[in-house]
Protein backbone atom coordinates (compact mmCIF):
# COMPACT_ATOMS: atom_id res chain seq x y z
CA MET A 1 -111.40 137.09 24.00
CA SER A 2 -110.10 133.59 23.26
CA LYS A 3 -110.87 131.89 19.97
CA ASP A 4 -112.72 128.55 19.91
CA ILE A 5 -110.19 125.70 19.88
CA PHE A 6 -111.20 122.12 19.07
CA LEU A 7 -109.11 119.12 20.15
CA THR A 8 -109.55 115.37 19.81
CA ASN A 9 -110.02 114.00 23.31
CA ASN A 10 -109.01 110.34 23.56
CA LEU A 11 -110.88 110.09 26.85
CA THR A 12 -114.18 110.51 24.98
CA ASN A 13 -113.01 109.52 21.47
CA LYS A 14 -114.48 112.78 20.16
CA LYS A 15 -113.31 116.12 18.86
CA GLU A 16 -114.47 118.63 21.45
CA LYS A 17 -114.41 122.35 22.02
CA PHE A 18 -111.66 123.20 24.48
CA VAL A 19 -113.18 124.73 27.62
CA PRO A 20 -110.50 125.33 30.28
CA LEU A 21 -110.92 124.47 33.93
CA ASP A 22 -109.56 127.94 34.73
CA LYS A 23 -109.25 130.38 31.81
CA SER A 24 -106.76 132.50 33.78
CA ASN A 25 -104.22 129.61 33.78
CA ILE A 26 -104.23 126.83 31.18
CA ARG A 27 -102.42 123.81 32.54
CA MET A 28 -100.86 121.09 30.37
CA TYR A 29 -98.58 118.12 31.04
CA VAL A 30 -96.64 116.16 28.42
CA CYS A 31 -94.65 112.99 29.06
CA GLY A 32 -90.99 113.70 28.38
CA PRO A 33 -88.04 111.40 27.65
CA THR A 34 -86.61 108.49 29.60
CA VAL A 35 -82.97 109.51 29.46
CA TYR A 36 -81.27 106.17 28.74
CA ASP A 37 -80.22 106.93 25.14
CA ASP A 38 -80.09 109.92 22.77
CA PRO A 39 -83.58 110.85 21.51
CA HIS A 40 -84.61 109.72 18.02
CA ILE A 41 -86.91 111.28 15.42
CA GLY A 42 -89.90 109.40 16.86
CA ASN A 43 -89.26 111.17 20.19
CA ALA A 44 -89.16 114.51 18.36
CA ARG A 45 -92.77 114.36 17.22
CA PRO A 46 -94.48 115.00 20.59
CA ILE A 47 -91.87 117.68 21.38
CA VAL A 48 -92.88 119.65 18.27
CA VAL A 49 -96.62 118.83 18.28
CA PHE A 50 -97.16 120.01 21.86
CA ASP A 51 -94.92 123.01 21.28
CA ILE A 52 -97.51 124.12 18.68
CA LEU A 53 -100.35 123.56 21.18
CA PHE A 54 -98.38 125.61 23.75
CA LYS A 55 -98.14 128.48 21.23
CA ILE A 56 -101.87 128.30 20.41
CA PHE A 57 -102.81 128.42 24.08
CA LYS A 58 -100.45 131.36 24.73
CA LYS A 59 -102.01 133.25 21.83
CA ASN A 60 -105.47 132.91 23.41
CA TYR A 61 -104.99 132.90 27.17
CA PRO A 62 -103.10 135.16 29.61
CA LYS A 63 -101.17 132.34 31.31
CA VAL A 64 -100.19 128.81 30.28
CA THR A 65 -98.34 126.41 32.59
CA TYR A 66 -96.62 123.70 30.58
CA VAL A 67 -94.90 120.82 32.39
CA ARG A 68 -92.75 118.18 30.65
CA ASN A 69 -90.95 115.67 32.86
CA ILE A 70 -87.55 113.99 32.63
CA THR A 71 -87.54 110.30 33.64
CA ASP A 72 -84.08 109.79 35.15
CA VAL A 73 -84.74 106.62 37.18
CA ASP A 74 -85.91 103.56 35.27
CA ASP A 75 -84.97 99.95 34.49
CA LYS A 76 -83.88 100.98 30.97
CA ILE A 77 -81.46 103.52 32.46
CA ILE A 78 -79.96 100.94 34.84
CA LYS A 79 -79.54 98.46 31.96
CA SER A 80 -78.00 101.07 29.64
CA SER A 81 -75.52 102.28 32.28
CA LYS A 82 -74.30 98.70 32.81
CA GLU A 83 -74.05 97.98 29.08
CA ASN A 84 -72.10 101.18 28.44
CA ASN A 85 -69.99 100.89 31.60
CA ILE A 86 -70.96 104.40 32.68
CA SER A 87 -72.45 105.65 35.97
CA ILE A 88 -76.18 106.34 36.04
CA SER A 89 -75.68 110.01 36.92
CA GLU A 90 -73.20 110.46 34.06
CA LEU A 91 -75.55 108.72 31.61
CA THR A 92 -78.66 110.68 32.60
CA SER A 93 -76.78 114.01 32.62
CA LYS A 94 -75.36 113.30 29.16
CA VAL A 95 -78.69 112.24 27.61
CA THR A 96 -80.63 115.08 29.31
CA LYS A 97 -78.13 117.55 27.82
CA SER A 98 -78.52 115.91 24.39
CA PHE A 99 -82.34 116.16 24.69
CA SER A 100 -82.09 119.85 25.61
CA GLU A 101 -79.86 120.48 22.59
CA ASP A 102 -82.34 118.62 20.37
CA CYS A 103 -85.20 120.84 21.59
CA TYR A 104 -83.15 123.96 20.86
CA TYR A 105 -82.19 122.58 17.43
CA LEU A 106 -85.89 121.98 16.64
CA ASN A 107 -86.68 125.53 17.79
CA CYS A 108 -89.04 124.43 20.57
CA GLU A 109 -89.85 126.75 23.45
CA GLU A 110 -88.87 125.64 26.92
CA PRO A 111 -91.74 124.36 29.10
CA THR A 112 -92.65 126.33 32.20
CA TYR A 113 -91.28 123.47 34.32
CA GLN A 114 -89.17 120.45 33.43
CA PRO A 115 -88.94 118.40 36.66
CA LYS A 116 -86.82 115.29 37.09
CA ALA A 117 -88.21 112.16 38.68
CA THR A 118 -85.26 111.83 41.09
CA GLU A 119 -85.99 115.30 42.51
CA ASN A 120 -89.54 114.31 43.51
CA ILE A 121 -89.26 110.87 45.11
CA ASP A 122 -90.67 112.21 48.42
CA LEU A 123 -93.92 113.19 46.66
CA MET A 124 -94.19 109.72 45.15
CA ILE A 125 -93.74 108.09 48.55
CA GLU A 126 -96.50 110.37 49.93
CA MET A 127 -98.86 109.35 47.11
CA ILE A 128 -98.17 105.64 47.64
CA SER A 129 -98.86 106.02 51.38
CA GLU A 130 -102.15 107.75 50.56
CA LEU A 131 -103.18 104.96 48.17
CA ILE A 132 -102.41 102.29 50.79
CA LYS A 133 -104.33 104.22 53.45
CA LYS A 134 -107.38 104.47 51.17
CA GLY A 135 -107.28 100.77 50.30
CA PHE A 136 -106.28 101.10 46.63
CA ALA A 137 -102.76 99.70 47.07
CA TYR A 138 -101.12 96.93 49.05
CA GLU A 139 -97.62 95.94 50.16
CA ASN A 140 -96.16 92.47 49.75
CA ASN A 141 -92.53 91.44 50.20
CA LYS A 142 -91.23 95.06 50.04
CA HIS A 143 -93.19 95.69 46.83
CA VAL A 144 -96.24 97.97 46.63
CA TYR A 145 -98.91 97.43 43.97
CA PHE A 146 -101.99 99.32 42.85
CA GLU A 147 -105.02 97.02 42.93
CA VAL A 148 -106.66 97.70 39.57
CA LYS A 149 -110.03 96.07 40.42
CA LYS A 150 -110.58 98.70 43.13
CA PHE A 151 -110.85 101.46 40.47
CA LYS A 152 -114.13 101.02 38.57
CA ASP A 153 -113.21 103.36 35.68
CA TYR A 154 -110.06 101.47 34.72
CA GLY A 155 -109.94 101.08 30.93
CA GLN A 156 -111.98 104.22 30.18
CA LEU A 157 -109.12 105.93 28.31
CA SER A 158 -108.31 102.81 26.29
CA ASN A 159 -112.04 102.27 25.71
CA LYS A 160 -111.66 98.60 26.66
CA LYS A 161 -112.73 96.27 29.42
CA LEU A 162 -110.18 95.02 31.91
CA ASP A 163 -110.07 91.48 30.47
CA GLU A 164 -109.36 92.84 26.96
CA LEU A 165 -106.60 95.09 28.24
CA ILE A 166 -104.87 92.25 30.08
CA ALA A 167 -105.15 89.91 27.09
CA GLY A 168 -103.72 92.51 24.71
CA SER A 169 -100.72 93.60 26.75
CA ARG A 170 -97.55 92.23 28.24
CA VAL A 171 -98.34 92.12 31.95
CA GLU A 172 -95.48 91.81 34.42
CA VAL A 173 -95.66 88.40 36.07
CA SER A 174 -94.92 88.40 39.80
CA LYS A 175 -95.77 86.13 42.72
CA ASN A 176 -95.97 89.28 44.85
CA LYS A 177 -99.17 90.46 43.15
CA LYS A 178 -102.73 89.66 44.20
CA ASN A 179 -103.92 89.90 40.60
CA SER A 180 -102.04 89.76 37.26
CA GLU A 181 -103.29 93.21 36.18
CA ASP A 182 -102.03 95.05 39.30
CA PHE A 183 -99.13 97.41 38.58
CA VAL A 184 -96.10 98.32 40.67
CA LEU A 185 -95.86 101.56 42.67
CA TRP A 186 -92.67 100.72 44.57
CA LYS A 187 -90.05 97.99 44.29
CA PRO A 188 -86.85 97.08 46.12
CA SER A 189 -83.49 97.95 44.57
CA GLU A 190 -80.37 95.82 44.30
CA ASP A 191 -77.25 97.14 46.03
CA ASP A 192 -75.83 98.55 42.78
CA GLU A 193 -79.12 100.22 41.74
CA PRO A 194 -80.52 103.67 42.62
CA SER A 195 -82.51 103.56 45.87
CA TRP A 196 -84.33 105.71 48.39
CA LYS A 197 -85.54 105.00 51.90
CA SER A 198 -89.26 104.34 52.24
CA PRO A 199 -91.75 102.79 54.72
CA TRP A 200 -91.50 99.60 52.56
CA GLY A 201 -87.72 99.38 52.55
CA LYS A 202 -84.94 100.67 50.32
CA GLY A 203 -86.11 100.89 46.73
CA ARG A 204 -87.40 103.03 43.88
CA PRO A 205 -90.79 104.04 42.42
CA GLY A 206 -92.59 102.42 39.52
CA TRP A 207 -92.46 104.35 36.25
CA HIS A 208 -96.17 105.29 36.10
CA LEU A 209 -96.09 107.05 39.46
CA GLU A 210 -93.76 109.95 38.65
CA CYS A 211 -96.14 111.74 36.26
CA SER A 212 -98.98 111.56 38.79
CA ALA A 213 -96.80 113.02 41.56
CA MET A 214 -95.18 115.77 39.46
CA SER A 215 -98.36 116.89 37.68
CA LYS A 216 -100.01 117.25 41.10
CA LYS A 217 -97.07 119.35 42.33
CA PHE A 218 -97.07 121.81 39.43
CA LEU A 219 -100.65 121.69 38.09
CA GLY A 220 -102.86 120.53 40.95
CA ASP A 221 -105.17 117.52 41.27
CA GLU A 222 -106.98 118.32 37.99
CA PHE A 223 -105.67 120.06 34.87
CA ASP A 224 -106.60 120.73 31.25
CA VAL A 225 -104.47 118.65 28.87
CA HIS A 226 -102.25 115.60 29.17
CA GLY A 227 -100.25 114.66 26.07
CA GLY A 228 -97.78 112.10 24.81
CA GLY A 229 -97.16 109.48 22.17
CA ILE A 230 -99.87 106.94 21.33
CA ASP A 231 -97.70 104.16 22.78
CA LEU A 232 -98.21 105.70 26.25
CA LEU A 233 -102.01 105.49 26.17
CA PHE A 234 -101.97 102.01 27.72
CA PRO A 235 -100.79 101.15 30.24
CA HIS A 236 -98.92 104.32 31.25
CA HIS A 237 -101.67 106.92 30.95
CA GLU A 238 -104.39 104.49 32.05
CA ASN A 239 -102.38 103.81 35.21
CA GLU A 240 -101.74 107.50 35.82
CA ILE A 241 -105.49 108.17 35.80
CA ALA A 242 -106.18 105.32 38.21
CA GLN A 243 -103.58 106.22 40.83
CA SER A 244 -104.16 110.00 40.60
CA ARG A 245 -107.94 109.92 40.85
CA CYS A 246 -107.82 107.42 43.72
CA ALA A 247 -105.13 109.32 45.64
CA ASN A 248 -106.70 112.74 45.08
CA ASP A 249 -110.42 111.81 45.35
CA THR A 250 -111.27 113.45 42.01
CA LYS A 251 -113.70 112.66 39.18
CA ILE A 252 -111.11 113.58 36.56
CA PHE A 253 -107.32 113.75 36.31
CA ALA A 254 -106.77 115.54 33.01
CA LYS A 255 -109.79 116.85 31.10
CA PHE A 256 -108.30 116.29 27.62
CA TRP A 257 -106.01 113.44 26.60
CA MET A 258 -104.07 113.89 23.35
CA HIS A 259 -101.74 111.39 21.67
CA ASN A 260 -99.59 111.74 18.58
CA ALA A 261 -99.21 108.77 16.19
CA PHE A 262 -95.92 107.03 15.44
CA ILE A 263 -93.23 107.98 12.98
CA THR A 264 -92.63 105.07 10.64
CA MET A 265 -89.93 104.04 8.17
CA SER A 266 -91.21 101.94 5.27
CA ASN A 267 -94.44 101.71 7.32
CA GLU A 268 -92.62 100.11 10.28
CA LYS A 269 -92.78 101.87 13.66
CA MET A 270 -89.49 103.60 14.50
CA ALA A 271 -88.14 101.86 17.59
CA LYS A 272 -84.87 100.61 18.98
CA SER A 273 -86.18 97.04 18.87
CA GLN A 274 -86.81 97.45 15.12
CA GLY A 275 -83.24 98.62 14.51
CA ASN A 276 -84.47 101.61 12.48
CA ILE A 277 -83.55 104.44 14.83
CA LEU A 278 -82.54 107.84 13.43
CA LYS A 279 -81.13 109.98 16.25
CA ILE A 280 -81.94 113.70 16.21
CA LYS A 281 -78.35 114.65 17.05
CA ASP A 282 -77.10 112.96 13.85
CA PHE A 283 -79.10 115.45 11.78
CA ARG A 284 -77.63 118.51 13.51
CA THR A 285 -74.43 118.49 11.44
CA LYS A 286 -76.28 117.93 8.16
CA ILE A 287 -79.47 119.98 7.90
CA SER A 288 -81.28 122.80 9.65
CA GLY A 289 -83.61 121.96 12.51
CA GLN A 290 -86.25 124.01 10.68
CA VAL A 291 -86.28 121.40 7.90
CA LEU A 292 -86.92 118.65 10.45
CA ARG A 293 -89.54 120.79 12.16
CA LEU A 294 -91.42 121.34 8.89
CA ALA A 295 -91.21 117.60 8.15
CA LEU A 296 -92.64 116.78 11.59
CA LEU A 297 -95.54 119.19 10.99
CA SER A 298 -96.27 117.92 7.48
CA ALA A 299 -98.75 115.25 8.63
CA HIS A 300 -101.60 115.60 11.13
CA TYR A 301 -100.43 114.58 14.59
CA LYS A 302 -103.05 111.80 14.81
CA GLN A 303 -101.79 110.19 11.58
CA PRO A 304 -98.60 108.11 11.18
CA LEU A 305 -95.76 110.01 9.50
CA ASP A 306 -93.54 108.00 7.18
CA TRP A 307 -89.98 109.30 7.36
CA ASN A 308 -88.01 109.17 4.09
CA ASP A 309 -85.49 111.09 1.98
CA LYS A 310 -88.17 112.58 -0.28
CA LEU A 311 -89.96 114.13 2.70
CA LEU A 312 -86.72 115.76 3.86
CA ASP A 313 -85.77 116.91 0.33
CA ASP A 314 -89.21 118.48 -0.18
CA CYS A 315 -89.02 120.28 3.18
CA GLN A 316 -85.44 121.40 2.48
CA ASN A 317 -86.51 122.85 -0.88
CA THR A 318 -89.51 124.59 0.69
CA ILE A 319 -87.45 126.22 3.45
CA ASN A 320 -84.81 127.29 0.90
CA LYS A 321 -87.47 128.79 -1.34
CA TRP A 322 -89.05 130.65 1.55
CA TYR A 323 -85.70 132.04 2.73
CA ASN A 324 -84.89 133.24 -0.78
CA SER A 325 -87.90 135.59 -0.57
CA TYR A 326 -86.77 136.94 2.81
CA LEU A 327 -86.17 140.71 2.73
CA ASP A 328 -84.59 142.84 5.45
CA ILE A 329 -87.81 144.34 6.74
CA GLU A 330 -89.50 144.35 10.14
CA TYR A 331 -91.48 141.16 10.74
CA ASN A 332 -94.06 142.04 13.32
CA SER A 333 -97.38 141.51 11.53
CA LYS A 334 -100.18 140.13 13.66
CA VAL A 335 -101.19 136.66 12.47
CA SER A 336 -104.97 136.69 12.22
CA ASP A 337 -107.29 134.02 13.60
CA GLU A 338 -108.39 133.36 10.02
CA ILE A 339 -104.83 132.31 9.08
CA LEU A 340 -104.53 130.29 12.31
CA LYS A 341 -107.91 128.61 11.74
CA PRO A 342 -106.44 125.18 10.81
CA LEU A 343 -104.43 125.08 14.06
CA TYR A 344 -107.57 125.88 16.07
CA ASP A 345 -109.15 122.83 14.45
CA ASP A 346 -107.32 120.03 16.28
CA LEU A 347 -103.81 121.26 15.37
CA ASN A 348 -104.28 120.75 11.62
CA THR A 349 -100.67 121.52 10.73
CA PRO A 350 -100.92 120.35 7.07
CA GLY A 351 -103.80 122.84 6.63
CA TYR A 352 -101.69 125.58 8.19
CA ILE A 353 -98.72 124.77 5.92
CA ALA A 354 -101.10 125.08 2.93
CA ASN A 355 -101.95 128.58 4.24
CA LEU A 356 -98.22 129.39 4.39
CA HIS A 357 -97.79 128.40 0.73
CA GLN A 358 -100.68 130.70 -0.23
CA LEU A 359 -99.21 133.56 1.82
CA TYR A 360 -95.84 132.96 0.13
CA ASP A 361 -97.41 133.21 -3.35
CA LYS A 362 -99.15 136.43 -2.34
CA ALA A 363 -95.92 137.83 -0.84
CA GLN A 364 -94.05 137.14 -4.08
CA LYS A 365 -96.45 139.40 -5.98
CA GLY A 366 -97.23 141.80 -3.16
CA ASN A 367 -95.63 144.49 -1.03
CA ASN A 368 -93.55 144.49 2.16
CA GLU A 369 -96.70 144.14 4.26
CA ASP A 370 -97.55 140.86 2.47
CA LYS A 371 -93.99 139.64 3.00
CA SER A 372 -94.13 140.63 6.66
CA LEU A 373 -97.36 138.69 7.14
CA PHE A 374 -95.92 135.59 5.45
CA VAL A 375 -92.77 135.58 7.60
CA SER A 376 -94.75 136.28 10.79
CA ALA A 377 -97.07 133.36 10.01
CA CYS A 378 -94.01 131.12 9.54
CA GLN A 379 -92.43 132.34 12.75
CA PHE A 380 -95.62 131.63 14.69
CA VAL A 381 -94.98 127.90 14.20
CA GLY A 382 -91.20 128.17 14.72
CA LEU A 383 -90.05 128.50 11.09
CA LEU A 384 -88.02 131.24 9.34
CA ASN A 385 -86.77 132.34 12.75
CA GLU A 386 -83.33 133.44 11.49
CA SER A 387 -82.23 136.37 9.34
CA LYS A 388 -81.53 135.55 5.70
CA GLU A 389 -77.87 136.36 6.33
CA ASN A 390 -77.61 133.83 9.17
CA TRP A 391 -79.48 131.25 7.11
CA MET A 392 -77.01 131.64 4.24
CA LYS A 393 -74.07 131.36 6.64
CA PHE A 394 -75.61 128.16 7.97
CA LYS A 395 -76.13 126.82 4.46
CA ILE A 396 -72.53 127.54 3.52
CA SER A 397 -71.21 125.99 6.74
CA LYS A 398 -73.18 122.77 6.09
CA ALA A 399 -72.55 122.69 2.35
CA LEU A 400 -70.69 119.92 0.58
CA ILE A 401 -68.62 122.61 -1.13
CA SER A 402 -67.13 125.92 0.06
CA GLU A 403 -67.95 129.35 -1.38
CA LYS A 404 -64.37 129.62 -2.66
CA GLU A 405 -64.72 126.31 -4.54
CA ILE A 406 -68.07 127.40 -6.02
CA LEU A 407 -66.59 130.63 -7.39
CA GLN A 408 -63.62 128.69 -8.78
CA LYS A 409 -65.96 126.22 -10.54
CA ILE A 410 -67.99 129.10 -12.02
CA GLN A 411 -64.76 130.64 -13.31
CA GLU A 412 -63.77 127.31 -14.91
CA ARG A 413 -67.23 126.98 -16.45
CA ASN A 414 -67.13 130.51 -17.88
CA LYS A 415 -63.75 129.71 -19.43
CA ALA A 416 -65.12 126.48 -20.96
CA ARG A 417 -68.11 128.35 -22.40
CA LYS A 418 -65.82 131.03 -23.84
CA ASN A 419 -63.86 128.24 -25.56
CA LYS A 420 -67.18 126.75 -26.76
CA ASN A 421 -66.50 123.59 -24.74
CA TYR A 422 -70.16 123.23 -23.77
CA GLU A 423 -69.80 119.62 -22.72
CA GLU A 424 -67.28 120.64 -20.02
CA ALA A 425 -69.48 123.60 -19.01
CA ASP A 426 -72.48 121.29 -18.52
CA LYS A 427 -70.34 118.86 -16.57
CA ILE A 428 -69.30 121.64 -14.15
CA ARG A 429 -72.93 122.79 -13.80
CA ASN A 430 -73.99 119.21 -12.94
CA THR A 431 -71.12 118.83 -10.45
CA LEU A 432 -72.32 121.96 -8.64
CA LEU A 433 -75.92 120.75 -8.79
CA ASP A 434 -74.92 117.45 -7.15
CA LYS A 435 -73.48 119.48 -4.29
CA GLY A 436 -76.72 121.44 -3.89
CA VAL A 437 -75.69 124.57 -5.83
CA LEU A 438 -77.88 126.13 -8.55
CA ILE A 439 -76.28 128.53 -11.04
CA GLU A 440 -78.03 130.99 -13.31
CA ASP A 441 -76.72 132.97 -16.30
CA LYS A 442 -78.37 136.37 -16.70
CA ASP A 443 -77.30 139.64 -18.35
CA GLY A 444 -73.79 138.34 -18.93
CA LYS A 445 -73.32 137.37 -15.27
CA THR A 446 -73.44 134.02 -13.45
CA THR A 447 -75.09 133.92 -10.00
CA TRP A 448 -75.39 130.98 -7.64
CA LYS A 449 -77.48 129.85 -4.70
CA PHE A 450 -78.07 126.69 -2.69
CA LYS A 451 -81.11 124.77 -3.83
């Protein structure tokens, strides 16, 4: 029997008990990357947050269908390919590969389906035709627009009236539109831009349309959860609801709408326009993906997460400490609902991490069963997923100093101590410490470990 799960639903602005549309198949859709540039840490947050939700659903239901799209046709992609003097297919292949490597690095499970926009253009054309036929969209000068005023529930997700939404957003100005708030479903392409044949001429779909078409293909007209970053709430998700409900004649599109808050640096949103981008791939050669994963889970998904060196140092120290308690025993303990309770309460990851610290303290004093439970609880959220041996190999490979150099420094320090040159001995200890190596003198022997 499934455990009660509570999620904040931005459609109702309330925390609600999750009741699936079909308990035999939970269906969730999360907006994936637009592959015009390597993903940054801000992009990593929804990847990890909804990976945790995927795990919670799988723990409680027999089947979960998780779809995360790849946007590989977009104005940003066209612009980036021109700026970098690289073909669009080469650019999107390269960035999609980088995104996949980032997901693996962050220890995220693969979604059930990861469709690309360019593979589903025919479905988008079908949906546009349906919207025109039903009177919700119109064609003008080879462009097709959705007529927002025809959908009475527009603005429900944003909890704002149409006039407020228009005033508070940058609306595309075009003489082809009937009304300023109408949004594009199809537009013509230039000769050097990606294009497909359609009843309205050679062109490409508007960005909002792809998620509506692909969610319908893999999840049906209605599904349980739609997720993404808070920046997608308006207009992207608002427009998805409008076109999907009108095309499919449904009262809902997704039952629950969940959005993670931004990652900030010095309280400024991380964005390319701000010039404060930290790419995920740049961390791969420096620190473990588990450290980044723990950092991303350290704040509640609805709250902004300020990214800084102290956060990473604290998470690095925590992961190191936890690995140092790792014994070579079987880790197959069942993680109880009581331990998972914070995650059932709107993905309260800070509360769950607090539980992990308590389990660690108990494991330090307890038996192998306590240690097994601690490691299993970590592994449930994608942490401590390597053997201690592999972790140490990783630490050594990423270290600022080799094992051979460490042993040589210890030998030099022992010699200095023997000669009562304590100033030199302390200097060597501090040199090792600066390179992340802790040394300990006990019973006439000196041992070392990475901090």
